[in-house]
PDB file of N, CA and C in Angstrom:
ATOM      1  N   MET A   1       0.824  -1.182   0.012  1.00  0.00           N
ATOM      2  CA  MET A   1       0.062   0.127  -0.033  1.00  0.00           C
ATOM      3  C   MET A   1       1.008   1.283   0.012  1.00  0.00           C
ATOM      4  N   TYR A   2       0.394   2.072  -0.863  1.00  0.00           N
ATOM      5  CA  TYR A   2       1.243   3.297  -0.877  1.00  0.00           C
ATOM      6  C   TYR A   2       0.635   4.530  -1.335  1.00  0.00           C
ATOM      7  N   LEU A   3       0.951   5.906  -1.184  1.00  0.00           N
ATOM      8  CA  LEU A   3       0.351   7.275  -1.604  1.00  0.00           C
ATOM      9  C   LEU A   3       1.593   7.968  -2.608  1.00  0.00           C
ATOM     10  N   LYS A   4       1.298   8.166  -3.673  1.00  0.00           N
ATOM     11  CA  LYS A   4       2.357   8.995  -4.284  1.00  0.00           C
ATOM     12  C   LYS A   4       1.921  10.215  -5.182  1.00  0.00           C
ATOM     13  N   MET A   5       2.532  10.950  -5.597  1.00  0.00           N
ATOM     14  CA  MET A   5       2.027  12.038  -6.287  1.00  0.00           C
ATOM     15  C   MET A   5       2.102  11.615  -7.778  1.00  0.00           C
ATOM     16  N   GLY A   6       1.260  11.807  -8.578  1.00  0.00           N
ATOM     17  CA  GLY A   6       1.145  11.540 -10.254  1.00  0.00           C
ATOM     18  C   GLY A   6       1.544  12.740 -10.891  1.00  0.00           C
ATOM     19  N   GLU A   7       0.954  12.810 -12.029  1.00  0.00           N
ATOM     20  CA  GLU A   7       1.455  13.826 -13.056  1.00  0.00           C
ATOM     21  C   GLU A   7       0.649  15.281 -12.603  1.00  0.00           C
ATOM     22  N   GLU A   8       1.265  16.315 -12.869  1.00  0.00           N
ATOM     23  CA  GLU A   8       0.823  17.399 -12.398  1.00  0.00           C
ATOM     24  C   GLU A   8       0.605  18.434 -13.740  1.00  0.00           C
ATOM     25  N   THR A   9      -0.488  18.930 -14.049  1.00  0.00           N
ATOM     26  CA  THR A   9      -0.861  19.781 -15.231  1.00  0.00           C
ATOM     27  C   THR A   9      -1.167  21.101 -14.790  1.00  0.00           C
ATOM     28  N   GLU A  10      -1.154  22.291 -15.596  1.00  0.00           N
ATOM     29  CA  GLU A  10      -1.508  23.522 -15.348  1.00  0.00           C
ATOM     30  C   GLU A  10      -2.371  23.773 -14.409  1.00  0.00           C
ATOM     31  N   THR A  11      -3.586  22.792 -14.526  1.00  0.00           N
ATOM     32  CA  THR A  11      -4.980  22.916 -13.664  1.00  0.00           C
ATOM     33  C   THR A  11      -5.280  22.027 -12.490  1.00  0.00           C
ATOM     34  N   GLU A  12      -4.442  20.810 -12.637  1.00  0.00           N
ATOM     35  CA  GLU A  12      -4.681  19.973 -11.436  1.00  0.00           C
ATOM     36  C   GLU A  12      -3.438  19.101 -11.007  1.00  0.00           C
ATOM     37  N   TYR A  13      -3.481  18.513  -9.931  1.00  0.00           N
ATOM     38  CA  TYR A  13      -2.589  17.629  -9.434  1.00  0.00           C
ATOM     39  C   TYR A  13      -3.041  16.244  -9.372  1.00  0.00           C
ATOM     40  N   GLN A  14      -2.561  15.287  -9.464  1.00  0.00           N
ATOM     41  CA  GLN A  14      -2.986  13.659  -9.703  1.00  0.00           C
ATOM     42  C   GLN A  14      -2.137  13.045  -8.489  1.00  0.00           C
ATOM     43  N   VAL A  15      -3.009  12.524  -7.487  1.00  0.00           N
ATOM     44  CA  VAL A  15      -2.433  11.821  -6.322  1.00  0.00           C
ATOM     45  C   VAL A  15      -2.971  10.249  -6.455  1.00  0.00           C
ATOM     46  N   ILE A  16      -2.144   9.350  -6.298  1.00  0.00           N
ATOM     47  CA  ILE A  16      -2.405   7.871  -6.535  1.00  0.00           C
ATOM     48  C   ILE A  16      -2.019   6.966  -5.069  1.00  0.00           C
ATOM     49  N   PHE A  17      -3.474   6.406  -5.100  1.00  0.00           N
ATOM     50  CA  PHE A  17      -3.142   5.652  -3.769  1.00  0.00           C
ATOM     51  C   PHE A  17      -3.424   4.295  -4.288  1.00  0.00           C
ATOM     52  N   ARG A  18      -2.595   3.204  -3.843  1.00  0.00           N
ATOM     53  CA  ARG A  18      -2.525   1.717  -4.262  1.00  0.00           C
ATOM     54  C   ARG A  18      -3.134   1.157  -2.899  1.00  0.00           C
ATOM     55  N   SER A  19      -3.952   0.349  -2.760  1.00  0.00           N
ATOM     56  CA  SER A  19      -4.453  -0.500  -1.654  1.00  0.00           C
ATOM     57  C   SER A  19      -3.548  -1.896  -1.758  1.00  0.00           C
ATOM     58  N   TYR A  20      -3.813  -2.267  -0.484  1.00  0.00           N
ATOM     59  CA  TYR A  20      -2.946  -3.624  -0.092  1.00  0.00           C
ATOM     60  C   TYR A  20      -3.674  -4.847  -1.207  1.00  0.00           C
ATOM     61  N   THR A  21      -5.042  -4.516  -1.481  1.00  0.00           N
ATOM     62  CA  THR A  21      -5.725  -5.308  -2.524  1.00  0.00           C
ATOM     63  C   THR A  21      -5.450  -5.388  -3.778  1.00  0.00           C
ATOM     64  N   GLY A  22      -4.541  -4.429  -4.404  1.00  0.00           N
ATOM     65  CA  GLY A  22      -4.001  -4.134  -5.631  1.00  0.00           C
ATOM     66  C   GLY A  22      -4.829  -3.192  -6.340  1.00  0.00           C
ATOM     67  N   SER A  23      -5.887  -2.601  -5.786  1.00  0.00           N
ATOM     68  CA  SER A  23      -6.509  -1.522  -6.598  1.00  0.00           C
ATOM     69  C   SER A  23      -6.012  -0.298  -6.565  1.00  0.00           C
ATOM     70  N   PHE A  24      -6.428   0.925  -7.359  1.00  0.00           N
ATOM     71  CA  PHE A  24      -5.858   2.055  -7.081  1.00  0.00           C
ATOM     72  C   PHE A  24      -7.009   3.129  -6.938  1.00  0.00           C
ATOM     73  N   VAL A  25      -6.767   4.186  -6.378  1.00  0.00           N
ATOM     74  CA  VAL A  25      -7.723   5.252  -6.373  1.00  0.00           C
ATOM     75  C   VAL A  25      -6.948   6.735  -6.840  1.00  0.00           C
ATOM     76  N   TYR A  26      -7.183   7.169  -7.833  1.00  0.00           N
ATOM     77  CA  TYR A  26      -6.981   8.381  -8.424  1.00  0.00           C
ATOM     78  C   TYR A  26      -7.427   9.593  -7.843  1.00  0.00           C
ATOM     79  N   PHE A  27      -6.741  10.476  -7.403  1.00  0.00           N
ATOM     80  CA  PHE A  27      -7.470  11.670  -7.039  1.00  0.00           C
ATOM     81  C   PHE A  27      -6.917  12.830  -7.900  1.00  0.00           C
ATOM     82  N   TYR A  28      -7.879  13.826  -8.625  1.00  0.00           N
ATOM     83  CA  TYR A  28      -7.410  14.597  -9.518  1.00  0.00           C
ATOM     84  C   TYR A  28      -7.899  15.928  -8.833  1.00  0.00           C
ATOM     85  N   VAL A  29      -6.956  16.707  -8.134  1.00  0.00           N
ATOM     86  CA  VAL A  29      -7.205  17.996  -7.479  1.00  0.00           C
ATOM     87  C   VAL A  29      -7.147  19.065  -8.530  1.00  0.00           C
ATOM     88  N   ASP A  30      -8.211  19.934  -8.464  1.00  0.00           N
ATOM     89  CA  ASP A  30      -8.233  21.061  -9.365  1.00  0.00           C
ATOM     90  C   ASP A  30      -7.554  22.284  -8.661  1.00  0.00           C
ATOM     91  N   LYS A  31      -6.341  22.763  -8.995  1.00  0.00           N
ATOM     92  CA  LYS A  31      -5.568  23.615  -8.087  1.00  0.00           C
ATOM     93  C   LYS A  31      -6.408  24.972  -7.584  1.00  0.00           C
ATOM     94  N   ILE A  32      -7.253  25.419  -8.353  1.00  0.00           N
ATOM     95  CA  ILE A  32      -7.933  26.630  -7.958  1.00  0.00           C
ATOM     96  C   ILE A  32      -9.036  26.491  -7.029  1.00  0.00           C
ATOM     97  N   SER A  33      -9.906  25.564  -7.470  1.00  0.00           N
ATOM     98  CA  SER A  33     -11.137  25.232  -6.822  1.00  0.00           C
ATOM     99  C   SER A  33     -11.058  24.376  -5.507  1.00  0.00           C
ATOM    100  N   GLY A  34     -10.151  23.209  -5.548  1.00  0.00           N
ATOM    101  CA  GLY A  34     -10.066  22.198  -4.604  1.00  0.00           C
ATOM    102  C   GLY A  34     -10.808  21.125  -4.939  1.00  0.00           C
ATOM    103  N   VAL A  35     -11.761  21.283  -5.824  1.00  0.00           N
ATOM    104  CA  VAL A  35     -12.607  20.115  -6.220  1.00  0.00           C
ATOM    105  C   VAL A  35     -11.612  18.885  -6.790  1.00  0.00           C
ATOM    106  N   THR A  36     -12.014  17.881  -6.062  1.00  0.00           N
ATOM    107  CA  THR A  36     -11.191  16.478  -6.135  1.00  0.00           C
ATOM    108  C   THR A  36     -12.349  15.453  -6.724  1.00  0.00           C
ATOM    109  N   ARG A  37     -11.752  14.988  -8.005  1.00  0.00           N
ATOM    110  CA  ARG A  37     -12.622  13.797  -8.709  1.00  0.00           C
ATOM    111  C   ARG A  37     -12.063  12.579  -8.236  1.00  0.00           C
ATOM    112  N   LEU A  38     -12.462  11.375  -7.772  1.00  0.00           N
ATOM    113  CA  LEU A  38     -11.827  10.217  -7.264  1.00  0.00           C
ATOM    114  C   LEU A  38     -12.390   9.291  -8.417  1.00  0.00           C
ATOM    115  N   ILE A  39     -11.431   8.405  -8.696  1.00  0.00           N
ATOM    116  CA  ILE A  39     -11.536   7.426  -9.856  1.00  0.00           C
ATOM    117  C   ILE A  39     -10.695   6.289  -9.157  1.00  0.00           C
ATOM    118  N   GLU A  40     -11.821   5.233  -9.143  1.00  0.00           N
ATOM    119  CA  GLU A  40     -11.140   3.683  -8.657  1.00  0.00           C
ATOM    120  C   GLU A  40     -10.922   2.657  -9.921  1.00  0.00           C
ATOM    121  N   TYR A  41      -9.679   2.144  -9.792  1.00  0.00           N
ATOM    122  CA  TYR A  41      -9.318   1.261 -10.906  1.00  0.00           C
ATOM    123  C   TYR A  41      -8.699  -0.078 -10.165  1.00  0.00           C
ATOM    124  N   VAL A  42      -9.343  -1.293 -10.716  1.00  0.00           N
ATOM    125  CA  VAL A  42      -9.115  -2.561 -10.296  1.00  0.00           C
ATOM    126  C   VAL A  42      -8.479  -3.265 -11.335  1.00  0.00           C
ATOM    127  N   PRO A  43      -7.046  -3.418 -11.496  1.00  0.00           N
ATOM    128  CA  PRO A  43      -6.466  -3.738 -12.536  1.00  0.00           C
ATOM    129  C   PRO A  43      -6.806  -5.265 -12.872  1.00  0.00           C
ATOM    130  N   SER A  44      -7.116  -6.140 -11.794  1.00  0.00           N
ATOM    131  CA  SER A  44      -7.382  -7.555 -11.935  1.00  0.00           C
ATOM    132  C   SER A  44      -8.662  -7.901 -12.735  1.00  0.00           C
ATOM    133  N   LEU A  45      -9.480  -6.796 -12.609  1.00  0.00           N
ATOM    134  CA  LEU A  45     -11.010  -6.911 -13.173  1.00  0.00           C
ATOM    135  C   LEU A  45     -11.062  -6.117 -14.350  1.00  0.00           C
ATOM    136  N   ASN A  46     -10.030  -5.172 -14.515  1.00  0.00           N
ATOM    137  CA  ASN A  46     -10.272  -4.203 -15.485  1.00  0.00           C
ATOM    138  C   ASN A  46     -11.365  -3.268 -15.214  1.00  0.00           C
ATOM    139  N   ILE A  47     -11.658  -2.977 -14.261  1.00  0.00           N
ATOM    140  CA  ILE A  47     -12.938  -1.989 -13.878  1.00  0.00           C
ATOM    141  C   ILE A  47     -12.268  -0.590 -13.506  1.00  0.00           C
ATOM    142  N   GLU A  48     -12.845   0.308 -14.061  1.00  0.00           N
ATOM    143  CA  GLU A  48     -12.548   1.681 -13.911  1.00  0.00           C
ATOM    144  C   GLU A  48     -13.771   2.163 -13.621  1.00  0.00           C
ATOM    145  N   GLU A  49     -14.066   3.208 -12.482  1.00  0.00           N
ATOM    146  CA  GLU A  49     -15.074   3.779 -12.225  1.00  0.00           C
ATOM    147  C   GLU A  49     -14.966   5.066 -11.307  1.00  0.00           C
ATOM    148  N   GLU A  50     -15.742   6.362 -11.744  1.00  0.00           N
ATOM    149  CA  GLU A  50     -15.671   7.498 -11.017  1.00  0.00           C
ATOM    150  C   GLU A  50     -16.607   7.299  -9.723  1.00  0.00           C
ATOM    151  N   THR A  51     -15.848   7.594  -8.759  1.00  0.00           N
ATOM    152  CA  THR A  51     -16.646   7.269  -7.207  1.00  0.00           C
ATOM    153  C   THR A  51     -17.114   8.418  -6.871  1.00  0.00           C
ATOM    154  N   GLY A  52     -16.833   9.684  -7.164  1.00  0.00           N
ATOM    155  CA  GLY A  52     -17.534  10.910  -6.507  1.00  0.00           C
ATOM    156  C   GLY A  52     -16.563  12.101  -6.462  1.00  0.00           C
ATOM    157  N   THR A  53     -16.719  13.090  -5.757  1.00  0.00           N
ATOM    158  CA  THR A  53     -15.995  14.257  -5.886  1.00  0.00           C
ATOM    159  C   THR A  53     -16.202  14.666  -4.367  1.00  0.00           C
ATOM    160  N   ILE A  54     -14.944  15.377  -3.901  1.00  0.00           N
ATOM    161  CA  ILE A  54     -14.907  16.148  -2.758  1.00  0.00           C
ATOM    162  C   ILE A  54     -14.079  17.438  -2.810  1.00  0.00           C
ATOM    163  N   ASN A  55     -14.643  18.362  -2.101  1.00  0.00           N
ATOM    164  CA  ASN A  55     -13.718  19.558  -1.971  1.00  0.00           C
ATOM    165  C   ASN A  55     -12.663  19.512  -0.850  1.00  0.00           C
ATOM    166  N   LEU A  56     -11.428  19.373  -1.321  1.00  0.00           N
ATOM    167  CA  LEU A  56     -10.090  19.242  -0.565  1.00  0.00           C
ATOM    168  C   LEU A  56     -10.257  20.707   0.389  1.00  0.00           C
ATOM    169  N   TYR A  57     -10.340  21.661  -0.253  1.00  0.00           N
ATOM    170  CA  TYR A  57     -10.152  22.953   0.660  1.00  0.00           C
ATOM    171  C   TYR A  57     -11.197  22.965   1.684  1.00  0.00           C
ATOM    172  N   ASP A  58     -12.259  22.361   1.710  1.00  0.00           N
ATOM    173  CA  ASP A  58     -13.127  22.224   2.952  1.00  0.00           C
ATOM    174  C   ASP A  58     -12.525  21.690   4.319  1.00  0.00           C
ATOM    175  N   TYR A  59     -11.595  20.757   3.750  1.00  0.00           N
ATOM    176  CA  TYR A  59     -10.544  20.054   4.876  1.00  0.00           C
ATOM    177  C   TYR A  59      -9.544  20.635   5.414  1.00  0.00           C
ATOM    178  N   LEU A  60      -9.023  21.561   4.426  1.00  0.00           N
ATOM    179  CA  LEU A  60      -7.675  22.296   4.725  1.00  0.00           C
ATOM    180  C   LEU A  60      -7.810  23.869   5.425  1.00  0.00           C
ATOM    181  N   LYS A  61      -9.287  24.376   5.461  1.00  0.00           N
ATOM    182  CA  LYS A  61      -9.378  25.517   6.107  1.00  0.00           C
ATOM    183  C   LYS A  61      -8.865  25.762   7.462  1.00  0.00           C
ATOM    184  N   SER A  62      -8.402  26.734   7.760  1.00  0.00           N
ATOM    185  CA  SER A  62      -7.999  27.131   9.069  1.00  0.00           C
ATOM    186  C   SER A  62      -8.955  27.793  10.012  1.00  0.00           C
ATOM    187  N   ASP A  63      -9.205  27.368  11.329  1.00  0.00           N
ATOM    188  CA  ASP A  63     -10.178  28.006  11.990  1.00  0.00           C
ATOM    189  C   ASP A  63      -9.814  29.646  12.310  1.00  0.00           C
ATOM    190  N   GLN A  64     -10.394  30.525  11.396  1.00  0.00           N
ATOM    191  CA  GLN A  64     -10.499  31.882  11.557  1.00  0.00           C
ATOM    192  C   GLN A  64     -10.963  32.258  12.704  1.00  0.00           C
ATOM    193  N   LYS A  65     -10.558  33.323  13.869  1.00  0.00           N
ATOM    194  CA  LYS A  65     -11.382  33.793  14.730  1.00  0.00           C
ATOM    195  C   LYS A  65     -10.974  35.438  15.091  1.00  0.00           C
TER     196      LYS A  65
END
């Protein structure tokens, strides 16, 4: 199991998570909005599926007082 940076484009970052089961989850993070698409890929079954989105910046906001 590991987590690593993938390709970077002008508009997004790619982060790759490999599970101990051999499947992958690709996170595509929009640099401006923080919207992150999640795509799961299971190589042994050759199945790829977009599993949803989250806004990464919702989890990174600091507590402003």
